[in-house]
Protein backbone atom coordinates (compact mmCIF):
# COMPACT_ATOMS: atom_id res chain seq x y z
CA MET A 1 -10.09 -54.87 -43.43
CA SER A 2 -11.28 -57.28 -46.13
CA ASP A 3 -14.40 -56.37 -48.10
CA GLU A 4 -16.06 -59.57 -46.92
CA ARG A 5 -15.51 -58.72 -43.24
CA LEU A 6 -16.59 -55.13 -43.88
CA PHE A 7 -19.84 -56.41 -45.42
CA TYR A 8 -20.67 -58.38 -42.27
CA ASN A 9 -19.72 -55.45 -40.04
CA ILE A 10 -22.03 -53.11 -41.94
CA LYS A 11 -24.78 -55.74 -41.97
CA ASN A 12 -24.26 -56.08 -38.23
CA THR A 13 -24.01 -59.88 -38.36
CA SER A 14 -21.23 -62.16 -37.17
CA GLY A 15 -21.00 -63.65 -40.67
CA LEU A 16 -17.46 -64.92 -40.69
CA ALA A 17 -17.39 -68.57 -39.76
CA LYS A 18 -17.95 -69.87 -36.31
CA SER A 19 -18.20 -73.69 -36.35
CA LEU A 20 -15.84 -75.89 -38.34
CA ALA A 21 -18.65 -76.78 -40.75
CA GLU A 22 -19.36 -73.08 -41.37
CA GLN A 23 -15.67 -72.37 -41.91
CA VAL A 24 -15.39 -75.15 -44.47
CA SER A 25 -18.65 -74.16 -46.18
CA ARG A 26 -17.27 -70.62 -46.46
CA GLU A 27 -14.08 -71.80 -48.18
CA ILE A 28 -15.91 -74.10 -50.59
CA GLY A 29 -18.62 -71.50 -51.17
CA LYS A 30 -16.06 -68.84 -52.05
CA ASN A 31 -14.48 -71.23 -54.54
CA VAL A 32 -17.87 -71.81 -56.16
CA VAL A 33 -18.75 -68.12 -56.31
CA SER A 34 -15.31 -67.18 -57.67
CA GLY A 35 -15.67 -69.67 -60.50
CA LEU A 36 -12.90 -72.01 -59.34
CA TYR A 37 -15.60 -74.68 -59.33
CA GLN A 38 -17.65 -74.19 -62.48
CA PRO A 39 -21.38 -74.98 -62.77
CA SER A 40 -22.03 -78.67 -63.54
CA SER A 41 -18.53 -79.62 -62.38
CA LEU A 42 -17.89 -82.10 -59.59
CA ILE A 43 -16.25 -81.02 -56.33
CA GLU A 44 -13.67 -83.29 -54.68
CA ASP A 45 -15.09 -86.28 -52.84
CA GLU A 46 -15.80 -86.23 -49.11
CA GLY A 47 -12.54 -87.94 -48.15
CA SER A 48 -10.40 -85.59 -50.24
CA LEU A 49 -12.11 -82.53 -48.79
CA ALA A 50 -11.69 -83.86 -45.25
CA THR A 51 -7.96 -84.23 -45.88
CA LYS A 52 -7.71 -80.85 -47.62
CA TYR A 53 -9.32 -78.95 -44.74
CA ASN A 54 -8.00 -81.25 -42.00
CA VAL A 55 -11.46 -82.00 -40.60
CA SER A 56 -13.63 -85.08 -40.18
CA ARG A 57 -15.98 -86.40 -42.84
CA SER A 58 -18.96 -85.42 -40.67
CA VAL A 59 -17.80 -81.78 -40.80
CA ILE A 60 -17.65 -82.00 -44.61
CA ARG A 61 -21.17 -83.44 -44.69
CA ASP A 62 -22.45 -80.61 -42.47
CA ALA A 63 -20.67 -78.04 -44.64
CA ALA A 64 -22.28 -79.55 -47.73
CA LYS A 65 -25.73 -79.26 -46.13
CA ILE A 66 -25.14 -75.53 -45.60
CA LEU A 67 -24.19 -75.05 -49.26
CA VAL A 68 -27.11 -77.19 -50.46
CA GLY A 69 -29.40 -74.87 -48.49
CA LYS A 70 -27.96 -71.89 -50.37
CA GLY A 71 -28.54 -73.57 -53.73
CA LEU A 72 -24.83 -73.71 -54.62
CA ILE A 73 -24.39 -77.47 -54.81
CA GLU A 74 -26.28 -80.72 -55.11
CA VAL A 75 -25.20 -83.98 -53.47
CA ARG A 76 -26.33 -87.20 -55.14
CA ARG A 77 -25.46 -90.71 -54.05
CA GLY A 78 -23.32 -92.49 -56.61
CA ILE A 79 -22.55 -89.27 -58.49
CA GLY A 80 -20.99 -86.91 -55.97
CA THR A 81 -21.23 -83.20 -55.27
CA THR A 82 -22.12 -81.06 -58.28
CA VAL A 83 -22.00 -77.27 -58.59
CA LEU A 84 -25.41 -75.94 -59.59
CA PRO A 85 -25.96 -73.17 -62.18
CA ARG A 86 -26.18 -69.59 -60.89
CA SER A 87 -29.90 -69.59 -61.65
CA ARG A 88 -30.31 -72.00 -58.71
CA TRP A 89 -28.26 -69.95 -56.22
CA SER A 90 -29.90 -67.95 -53.44
CA LEU A 91 -28.28 -64.79 -54.76
CA LEU A 92 -29.71 -62.53 -52.03
CA ASP A 93 -28.25 -64.74 -49.30
CA ASP A 94 -25.89 -62.65 -47.13
CA ASP A 95 -23.04 -65.15 -47.38
CA ILE A 96 -23.27 -65.45 -51.16
CA LEU A 97 -23.28 -61.67 -51.51
CA ALA A 98 -20.27 -61.45 -49.17
CA TRP A 99 -18.38 -64.25 -50.94
CA HIS A 100 -18.66 -62.35 -54.22
CA LEU A 101 -16.51 -59.67 -52.57
CA SER A 102 -13.58 -62.11 -52.40
CA ALA A 103 -13.95 -63.12 -56.04
CA PRO A 104 -12.37 -61.40 -59.08
CA LEU A 105 -14.23 -58.28 -60.18
CA ASN A 106 -17.28 -59.23 -62.19
CA LYS A 107 -18.64 -56.54 -64.50
CA HIS A 108 -21.86 -58.45 -65.08
CA LEU A 109 -22.55 -58.77 -61.34
CA ILE A 110 -21.84 -55.11 -60.60
CA LYS A 111 -24.13 -54.08 -63.45
CA GLN A 112 -26.98 -56.23 -62.12
CA LEU A 113 -26.57 -54.98 -58.55
CA LEU A 114 -26.73 -51.39 -59.76
CA GLU A 115 -29.84 -52.19 -61.80
CA ILE A 116 -31.54 -53.44 -58.64
CA ARG A 117 -30.50 -50.30 -56.77
CA LEU A 118 -31.84 -48.11 -59.56
CA THR A 119 -35.11 -50.00 -59.35
CA ILE A 120 -35.66 -49.80 -55.60
CA GLU A 121 -33.74 -46.88 -54.09
CA PRO A 122 -35.41 -43.93 -55.86
CA THR A 123 -38.78 -45.26 -54.71
CA ALA A 124 -37.40 -46.01 -51.24
CA VAL A 125 -36.23 -42.43 -50.69
CA LYS A 126 -39.56 -41.09 -51.98
CA TRP A 127 -41.38 -43.20 -49.41
CA ALA A 128 -38.85 -42.26 -46.73
CA VAL A 129 -39.78 -38.61 -47.21
CA GLU A 130 -43.49 -39.42 -47.10
CA ARG A 131 -43.43 -42.01 -44.30
CA GLY A 132 -40.26 -41.54 -42.26
CA THR A 133 -40.49 -40.51 -38.62
CA ALA A 134 -38.48 -37.62 -37.18
CA LYS A 135 -36.18 -40.15 -35.50
CA GLU A 136 -35.59 -42.01 -38.78
CA ILE A 137 -34.81 -38.78 -40.63
CA ASP A 138 -32.33 -37.93 -37.88
CA GLU A 139 -30.63 -41.29 -38.48
CA ILE A 140 -30.20 -40.37 -42.15
CA LYS A 141 -28.71 -37.01 -41.13
CA THR A 142 -26.33 -38.70 -38.67
CA SER A 143 -25.09 -41.12 -41.33
CA TYR A 144 -24.48 -38.21 -43.70
CA LYS A 145 -22.46 -36.36 -41.04
CA LYS A 146 -20.32 -39.46 -40.56
CA MET A 147 -19.69 -39.54 -44.31
CA GLU A 148 -18.37 -35.98 -44.10
CA GLU A 149 -16.24 -36.81 -41.04
CA HIS A 150 -14.64 -39.84 -42.70
CA ILE A 151 -14.23 -38.49 -46.21
CA ASP A 152 -10.51 -39.41 -46.23
CA SER A 153 -11.03 -42.96 -44.97
CA VAL A 154 -12.18 -45.67 -47.36
CA ASP A 155 -13.54 -48.20 -44.84
CA ASN A 156 -15.15 -45.68 -42.48
CA TYR A 157 -16.62 -43.71 -45.35
CA VAL A 158 -18.20 -46.71 -47.06
CA THR A 159 -19.63 -47.83 -43.71
CA ALA A 160 -21.25 -44.42 -43.24
CA ASP A 161 -22.39 -44.41 -46.88
CA ALA A 162 -24.00 -47.84 -46.46
CA LEU A 163 -25.74 -46.71 -43.26
CA PHE A 164 -27.05 -43.63 -45.10
CA HIS A 165 -28.75 -45.84 -47.67
CA LYS A 166 -29.81 -48.36 -45.01
CA SER A 167 -31.48 -45.58 -43.01
CA ILE A 168 -33.41 -44.54 -46.11
CA LEU A 169 -34.63 -48.11 -46.68
CA LYS A 170 -35.68 -48.31 -43.03
CA ALA A 171 -37.56 -45.01 -43.25
CA SER A 172 -39.48 -46.24 -46.31
CA HIS A 173 -41.45 -48.55 -43.98
CA ASN A 174 -41.49 -51.40 -46.48
CA GLU A 175 -40.10 -54.66 -45.12
CA PHE A 176 -39.48 -56.11 -48.57
CA LEU A 177 -37.39 -53.13 -49.65
CA PHE A 178 -35.40 -53.31 -46.43
CA ALA A 179 -34.58 -56.94 -47.24
CA PHE A 180 -32.42 -55.64 -50.11
CA GLU A 181 -29.91 -53.93 -47.80
CA GLY A 182 -27.29 -56.61 -48.51
CA VAL A 183 -27.49 -55.80 -52.23
CA ILE A 184 -26.64 -52.18 -51.48
CA TYR A 185 -23.67 -53.09 -49.29
CA SER A 186 -22.17 -55.53 -51.78
CA SER A 187 -22.74 -53.06 -54.63
CA LEU A 188 -20.99 -50.27 -52.70
CA LEU A 189 -18.03 -52.46 -51.76
CA LEU A 190 -17.61 -53.83 -55.28
CA SER A 191 -17.74 -50.29 -56.67
CA ILE A 192 -14.98 -49.26 -54.29
CA ARG A 193 -12.83 -52.21 -55.36
CA ALA A 194 -13.31 -51.17 -58.97
CA THR A 195 -12.07 -47.65 -58.18
CA ASN A 196 -8.97 -49.05 -56.45
CA ARG A 197 -10.18 -47.82 -53.05
CA ASP A 198 -9.30 -44.22 -53.88
CA PRO A 199 -10.57 -41.75 -51.20
CA LYS A 200 -10.85 -39.12 -53.96
CA SER A 201 -14.01 -40.92 -55.06
CA ASN A 202 -15.55 -40.00 -51.70
CA LYS A 203 -15.29 -36.30 -52.49
CA LYS A 204 -17.06 -36.86 -55.81
CA SER A 205 -19.84 -38.78 -54.08
CA ILE A 206 -20.64 -36.33 -51.27
CA PRO A 207 -22.46 -33.66 -53.39
CA PHE A 208 -24.96 -36.27 -54.61
CA HIS A 209 -25.72 -37.32 -51.04
CA THR A 210 -26.01 -33.67 -50.00
CA LYS A 211 -28.76 -33.11 -52.56
CA ILE A 212 -30.57 -36.28 -51.52
CA LEU A 213 -30.44 -35.27 -47.85
CA GLN A 214 -31.60 -31.72 -48.57
CA SER A 215 -34.59 -33.05 -50.50
CA ILE A 216 -35.46 -35.24 -47.52
CA ILE A 217 -35.16 -32.29 -45.12
CA ASP A 218 -37.31 -30.18 -47.45
CA LYS A 219 -39.89 -33.00 -47.53
CA ASP A 220 -39.70 -32.94 -51.32
CA SER A 221 -40.31 -36.59 -52.18
CA LEU A 222 -40.21 -36.17 -55.96
CA ASN A 223 -36.92 -34.27 -55.86
CA ALA A 224 -35.47 -36.84 -53.46
CA GLU A 225 -36.45 -39.58 -55.90
CA LYS A 226 -34.86 -37.67 -58.79
CA ASN A 227 -31.64 -36.96 -56.90
CA MET A 228 -31.25 -40.59 -55.86
CA ARG A 229 -31.62 -41.67 -59.47
CA ILE A 230 -29.07 -39.07 -60.60
CA HIS A 231 -26.64 -40.32 -57.94
CA LEU A 232 -26.96 -43.97 -58.98
CA GLU A 233 -26.80 -43.18 -62.70
CA ASP A 234 -23.58 -41.23 -62.08
CA THR A 235 -22.15 -44.26 -60.24
CA GLU A 236 -23.14 -46.47 -63.16
CA ARG A 237 -21.54 -44.09 -65.68
CA ARG A 238 -18.24 -43.88 -63.77
CA LEU A 239 -18.03 -47.65 -63.39
CA LYS A 240 -18.64 -48.16 -67.10
CA GLY A 241 -15.69 -45.88 -67.79
CA LEU A 242 -13.47 -47.78 -65.37
CA PHE A 243 -14.31 -51.16 -66.86
CA LYS A 244 -13.29 -50.15 -70.37
CA ASN A 245 -9.69 -50.94 -69.50
CA LYS A 246 -10.24 -53.72 -66.95
CA LYS A 247 -10.39 -57.46 -67.47
CA GLU A 248 -13.13 -59.21 -65.56
CA ILE A 249 -14.85 -62.56 -65.22
CA ILE A 250 -18.34 -62.64 -66.67
CA PHE A 251 -20.60 -65.57 -65.86
CA GLU A 252 -22.95 -66.57 -68.64
């Protein structure tokens, strides 16, 4: 299963294109996110895109509206369709996060996603211990058990791993933190791509999750916060080591 499809499955959204306009916007959007279309560059004109994707001009116009709404492009009469700088993109948009998963590995992006996780997840697990209901704590336990069950499967393991972290965000009872779930999923999937989808990485990850879960069960919010930070810092350290010998695209 592709990382993009896996992202939508974990997020529990249909995601992958439905209408023709959405399908075309996905293809163009992926080309923008991957860097095929560089910021400030012009995309092909409406007629050329209609021919390229074998659709009508009205479909191209509708696709452009979708991408304009995500901050990826700007359409100006007499000039054409221009790719906007990344600073204008809606970077937390589910589709944009998912489209990054089809692009070449980007060290800068992975670093930033991990920085966000390090900022929000230690606090989220602390609040989960302090605020989570018995049912929500059970959901965290269930996700952990699924991680153990699927330790030799990349896709099933990362799904369980994502649900473990999602359950913690949910138990924190902060709607704004929960809105960052897509960041966690894309970060996890990009990390797995960087490690060449090796199931051995699952076995290295489990002990960190065990300590986080035990802290939650013990109702030790400070220890849970510390263990989450240790887990994410270990992930960051391992990825830095992997990238020493990898070439990647870095957007300025």
